[in-house]
Amino acid sequence: MPVLNMDHLHDVQEKLVSQAKKRLSLQSTAEIQSCLVGSGDVGCGTFQCFNNNSCEIQGLHHICLTLLHNAGRFDSQGKSFVKDALRCMALGLRQRFSCVSRRCSAVKEMVFSLQRECYSKHQLCLALRDHMDTMGNLVQFHLLFPPGPYVELMNFLLKCGDEVRSWVSQRIRGQCEQHWGALCSSFGSTCSPSQSDAPQHTTVPTPTAPRPITAQGALQQPTGAAEPEDKSGLSQTDSATESGFPVSVESNVTASQT
């Protein structure tokens, strides 16, 4: 049975620490700016400008190519959603890059913010949810390290409904088990999408004292006066576990956006 590769995990943590202190080099900044000026709204040229930069912002070009390559499988409305979302991203990158700090954290947050904004505004969920098989080469466990555009895309897909969330979660969990073994299996048995929603609809017996955090992470309080706090705790826990990702992966996503 595969076991957790602690060396790999340590390398990931080291990268996260160094990334927080890094800045986009002057050379990378000039190269990206020059590339953006010559790129257009159509196609993936704008996203290629972010390949091989000192902030390690990888994946934008690959995501664009995958979406365009499979656009022919969508209906006319789906094709429009995909093209509009990519055009929104390309335009936003050209407009905002020159105004953002050279700190890697700031550049990444600008990119991630654009992803969330453009994917939602142009309803990318509607285009993809019936064609999730086209996303197979993007939904890959090894692409989630270090956190970047792939992780932001995964987080977006996890909000596209139960069917898409289940497909993404199972695929990532299965690949995680190949790398980290039983650790991922334990998360899979306690953080399934159906269980994450369950506390909202179940009656919790009144305990004599506050109960500790369980394997599912739900903090159960006594009923009565403390009930509003209990619901708040459950809501926060659901949002952290409903994706089906290992907790460490989702924590990395949050860290990368700050």
Protein backbone atom coordinates (compact mmCIF):
# COMPACT_ATOMS: atom_id res chain seq x y z
CA MET A 1 0.00 0.00 0.00
CA PRO A 2 1.38 3.49 -0.87
CA VAL A 3 2.44 5.62 2.09
CA LEU A 4 2.67 9.36 2.67
CA ASN A 5 5.77 10.82 1.07
CA MET A 6 6.96 13.19 3.79
CA ASP A 7 9.88 14.44 1.70
CA HIS A 8 7.47 15.59 -1.01
CA LEU A 9 5.21 17.25 1.56
CA HIS A 10 8.21 19.04 3.08
CA ASP A 11 9.28 20.28 -0.36
CA VAL A 12 5.79 21.67 -0.96
CA GLN A 13 5.84 23.51 2.38
CA GLU A 14 9.29 24.93 1.65
CA LYS A 15 8.06 26.21 -1.70
CA LEU A 16 5.06 27.89 -0.10
CA VAL A 17 7.29 29.75 2.37
CA SER A 18 9.70 30.92 -0.32
CA GLN A 19 6.85 31.90 -2.65
CA ALA A 20 5.44 34.26 -0.01
CA LYS A 21 8.71 36.22 -0.01
CA LYS A 22 9.37 36.21 -3.76
CA ARG A 23 8.81 38.96 -6.25
CA LEU A 24 8.40 38.82 -9.99
CA SER A 25 11.85 39.57 -11.42
CA LEU A 26 12.30 42.72 -13.48
CA GLN A 27 13.14 40.56 -16.49
CA SER A 28 9.99 38.46 -16.09
CA THR A 29 7.92 41.61 -15.59
CA ALA A 30 9.26 43.19 -18.78
CA GLU A 31 8.83 39.98 -20.77
CA ILE A 32 5.26 39.47 -19.62
CA GLN A 33 4.33 43.11 -20.25
CA SER A 34 5.81 43.01 -23.74
CA CYS A 35 4.03 39.75 -24.50
CA LEU A 36 0.68 41.08 -23.27
CA VAL A 37 0.93 44.14 -25.49
CA GLY A 38 1.30 41.94 -28.56
CA SER A 39 -1.42 39.43 -27.63
CA GLY A 40 -5.07 39.60 -28.64
CA ASP A 41 -8.43 38.87 -27.04
CA VAL A 42 -8.97 35.68 -29.07
CA GLY A 43 -7.02 32.47 -28.60
CA CYS A 44 -4.54 31.55 -25.88
CA GLY A 45 -1.67 33.91 -26.68
CA THR A 46 -2.30 36.09 -23.62
CA PHE A 47 -2.09 33.12 -21.26
CA GLN A 48 1.14 31.95 -22.84
CA CYS A 49 2.72 35.17 -21.59
CA PHE A 50 2.63 33.72 -18.07
CA ASN A 51 4.57 30.54 -18.88
CA ASN A 52 8.00 30.11 -17.26
CA ASN A 53 7.93 33.16 -14.99
CA SER A 54 9.78 33.61 -11.71
CA CYS A 55 6.54 33.43 -9.69
CA GLU A 56 5.76 29.96 -11.06
CA ILE A 57 2.28 30.89 -12.23
CA GLN A 58 1.68 27.81 -14.38
CA GLY A 59 -1.46 26.43 -15.97
CA LEU A 60 -3.28 29.37 -17.57
CA HIS A 61 -2.16 28.43 -21.09
CA HIS A 62 -2.92 24.74 -20.57
CA ILE A 63 -6.40 25.52 -19.23
CA CYS A 64 -7.14 27.76 -22.21
CA LEU A 65 -5.94 25.20 -24.75
CA THR A 66 -7.99 22.44 -23.14
CA LEU A 67 -11.18 24.50 -23.11
CA LEU A 68 -10.78 25.64 -26.73
CA HIS A 69 -9.79 22.19 -27.95
CA ASN A 70 -12.99 20.69 -26.52
CA ALA A 71 -15.32 23.60 -27.32
CA GLY A 72 -16.57 21.76 -30.40
CA ARG A 73 -18.29 19.25 -28.13
CA PHE A 74 -20.44 21.93 -26.51
CA ASP A 75 -23.69 23.34 -27.89
CA SER A 76 -23.73 26.87 -29.28
CA GLN A 77 -24.48 28.38 -25.88
CA GLY A 78 -21.69 26.37 -24.23
CA LYS A 79 -19.19 27.49 -26.87
CA SER A 80 -20.19 31.08 -26.23
CA PHE A 81 -19.72 30.66 -22.45
CA VAL A 82 -16.22 29.22 -22.90
CA LYS A 83 -15.04 31.84 -25.39
CA ASP A 84 -16.51 34.73 -23.37
CA ALA A 85 -14.88 33.48 -20.17
CA LEU A 86 -11.46 33.18 -21.85
CA ARG A 87 -11.83 36.59 -23.51
CA CYS A 88 -12.73 38.09 -20.12
CA MET A 89 -9.57 36.57 -18.62
CA ALA A 90 -7.33 37.76 -21.46
CA LEU A 91 -8.66 41.32 -21.33
CA GLY A 92 -8.41 41.44 -17.55
CA LEU A 93 -4.81 40.22 -17.52
CA ARG A 94 -3.73 42.92 -19.98
CA GLN A 95 -5.55 45.66 -18.10
CA ARG A 96 -4.53 44.74 -14.56
CA PHE A 97 -1.01 43.37 -14.86
CA SER A 98 0.68 46.76 -15.20
CA CYS A 99 -1.14 48.04 -12.10
CA VAL A 100 -0.31 45.19 -9.73
CA SER A 101 2.67 44.92 -7.39
CA ARG A 102 5.58 42.69 -8.45
CA ARG A 103 5.14 40.60 -5.31
CA CYS A 104 4.29 37.05 -6.36
CA SER A 105 1.42 36.90 -3.88
CA ALA A 106 -0.14 40.02 -5.42
CA VAL A 107 0.29 38.81 -9.00
CA LYS A 108 -1.21 35.44 -8.13
CA GLU A 109 -4.17 36.96 -6.34
CA MET A 110 -4.84 39.14 -9.39
CA VAL A 111 -4.86 36.02 -11.59
CA PHE A 112 -7.03 34.00 -9.20
CA SER A 113 -9.47 36.87 -8.77
CA LEU A 114 -9.85 37.10 -12.54
CA GLN A 115 -10.48 33.37 -12.78
CA ARG A 116 -13.26 33.52 -10.19
CA GLU A 117 -14.77 36.64 -11.73
CA CYS A 118 -14.72 35.52 -15.38
CA TYR A 119 -15.70 31.89 -14.83
CA SER A 120 -18.72 32.96 -12.76
CA LYS A 121 -19.76 35.95 -14.87
CA HIS A 122 -19.84 33.90 -18.06
CA GLN A 123 -21.43 30.81 -16.49
CA LEU A 124 -18.67 28.35 -17.25
CA CYS A 125 -20.43 25.80 -15.04
CA LEU A 126 -23.30 25.55 -17.51
CA ALA A 127 -20.88 24.75 -20.33
CA LEU A 128 -18.85 22.17 -18.42
CA ARG A 129 -21.24 20.26 -16.18
CA ASP A 130 -22.54 18.07 -19.01
CA HIS A 131 -19.05 17.60 -20.48
CA MET A 132 -16.84 16.96 -17.46
CA ASP A 133 -15.01 14.23 -19.37
CA THR A 134 -13.36 17.01 -21.37
CA MET A 135 -11.70 18.25 -18.17
CA GLY A 136 -9.91 15.01 -17.37
CA ASN A 137 -6.40 16.24 -18.14
CA LEU A 138 -6.94 19.32 -15.95
CA VAL A 139 -8.37 17.51 -12.93
CA GLN A 140 -5.06 15.96 -11.90
CA PHE A 141 -3.71 15.62 -8.36
CA HIS A 142 -0.11 16.42 -9.30
CA LEU A 143 -1.15 19.75 -10.85
CA LEU A 144 -2.34 21.03 -7.46
CA PHE A 145 1.22 21.62 -6.21
CA PRO A 146 2.26 24.33 -5.79
CA PRO A 147 -1.17 26.00 -5.60
CA GLY A 148 -1.98 28.02 -8.69
CA PRO A 149 -4.55 28.43 -11.50
CA TYR A 150 -5.31 24.69 -11.51
CA VAL A 151 -6.37 24.82 -7.85
CA GLU A 152 -8.53 27.88 -8.48
CA LEU A 153 -10.21 26.03 -11.35
CA MET A 154 -10.83 22.99 -9.12
CA ASN A 155 -12.39 25.17 -6.43
CA PHE A 156 -14.66 26.72 -9.06
CA LEU A 157 -15.71 23.30 -10.41
CA LEU A 158 -16.55 22.12 -6.89
CA LYS A 159 -19.29 24.78 -6.82
CA CYS A 160 -20.88 23.62 -10.09
CA GLY A 161 -23.39 21.28 -8.45
CA ASP A 162 -23.38 17.92 -6.67
CA GLU A 163 -22.68 15.81 -9.76
CA VAL A 164 -19.63 17.81 -10.82
CA ARG A 165 -18.39 18.11 -7.23
CA SER A 166 -18.64 14.33 -6.77
CA TRP A 167 -16.80 13.65 -10.04
CA VAL A 168 -13.96 16.04 -9.23
CA SER A 169 -13.66 14.87 -5.62
CA GLN A 170 -13.55 11.17 -6.48
CA ARG A 171 -11.03 11.71 -9.26
CA ILE A 172 -8.67 13.79 -7.11
CA ARG A 173 -9.05 11.47 -4.11
CA GLY A 174 -8.26 8.41 -6.21
CA GLN A 175 -5.10 10.01 -7.59
CA CYS A 176 -4.16 11.23 -4.12
CA GLU A 177 -4.30 7.67 -2.81
CA GLN A 178 -1.79 6.63 -5.46
CA HIS A 179 0.68 9.16 -4.03
CA TRP A 180 -0.14 9.37 -0.32
CA GLY A 181 -1.97 6.13 0.35
CA ALA A 182 -4.18 5.63 3.39
CA LEU A 183 -4.09 9.32 4.35
CA CYS A 184 -6.29 10.20 1.38
CA SER A 185 -8.54 7.19 2.00
CA SER A 186 -9.24 8.42 5.53
CA PHE A 187 -10.33 11.81 4.23
CA GLY A 188 -12.46 10.11 1.62
CA SER A 189 -14.37 8.12 4.25
CA THR A 190 -15.14 11.14 6.45
CA CYS A 191 -15.51 14.06 4.02
CA SER A 192 -17.89 12.80 1.35
CA PRO A 193 -20.16 15.48 -0.17
CA SER A 194 -23.33 13.84 1.18
CA GLN A 195 -21.98 13.80 4.72
CA SER A 196 -20.86 17.42 4.62
CA ASP A 197 -24.45 18.56 4.14
CA ALA A 198 -25.97 16.08 6.58
CA PRO A 199 -25.60 18.11 9.83
CA GLN A 200 -27.99 20.73 8.48
CA HIS A 201 -30.85 18.19 8.38
CA THR A 202 -30.22 15.91 11.35
CA THR A 203 -31.34 16.28 14.94
CA VAL A 204 -28.41 16.28 17.36
CA PRO A 205 -29.11 14.79 20.81
CA THR A 206 -28.69 17.31 23.62
CA PRO A 207 -25.30 16.59 25.27
CA THR A 208 -24.51 17.42 28.87
CA ALA A 209 -21.42 19.36 27.78
CA PRO A 210 -19.95 20.62 24.49
CA ARG A 211 -18.63 17.72 22.45
CA PRO A 212 -15.16 17.75 20.87
CA ILE A 213 -14.54 18.05 17.13
CA THR A 214 -15.28 14.74 15.45
CA ALA A 215 -13.60 13.12 12.44
CA GLN A 216 -15.97 15.10 10.25
CA GLY A 217 -14.94 18.32 11.95
CA ALA A 218 -18.49 19.17 13.13
CA LEU A 219 -18.52 21.00 16.49
CA GLN A 220 -21.69 19.98 18.31
CA GLN A 221 -22.96 22.31 21.07
CA PRO A 222 -25.88 21.88 23.46
CA THR A 223 -29.28 22.88 22.10
CA GLY A 224 -31.18 25.87 23.43
CA ALA A 225 -29.40 29.15 23.95
CA ALA A 226 -26.23 27.95 22.26
CA GLU A 227 -27.98 26.77 19.10
CA PRO A 228 -27.15 29.82 16.90
CA GLU A 229 -23.43 29.35 17.60
CA ASP A 230 -23.75 25.66 16.71
CA LYS A 231 -25.23 26.42 13.32
CA SER A 232 -22.49 28.90 12.62
CA GLY A 233 -19.83 26.34 13.43
CA LEU A 234 -21.46 23.77 11.17
CA SER A 235 -21.65 26.24 8.32
CA GLN A 236 -17.96 27.04 8.59
CA THR A 237 -17.07 23.35 8.74
CA ASP A 238 -19.24 22.48 5.74
CA SER A 239 -17.50 25.06 3.57
CA ALA A 240 -14.12 23.58 4.45
CA THR A 241 -15.08 19.95 3.82
CA GLU A 242 -17.75 19.89 1.14
CA SER A 243 -15.25 19.93 -1.70
CA GLY A 244 -13.97 16.43 -0.97
CA PHE A 245 -10.36 17.63 -1.16
CA PRO A 246 -7.83 16.64 1.47
CA VAL A 247 -7.78 19.39 4.07
CA SER A 248 -4.12 20.14 3.36
CA VAL A 249 -4.86 20.86 -0.28
CA GLU A 250 -7.68 23.30 0.50
CA SER A 251 -5.54 25.03 3.11
CA ASN A 252 -2.91 25.57 0.45
CA VAL A 253 -5.46 27.23 -1.75
CA THR A 254 -6.32 29.73 0.96
CA ALA A 255 -2.68 30.39 1.69
CA SER A 256 -1.93 31.09 -1.93
CA GLN A 257 -4.55 33.81 -2.11
CA THR A 258 -3.32 35.89 0.78
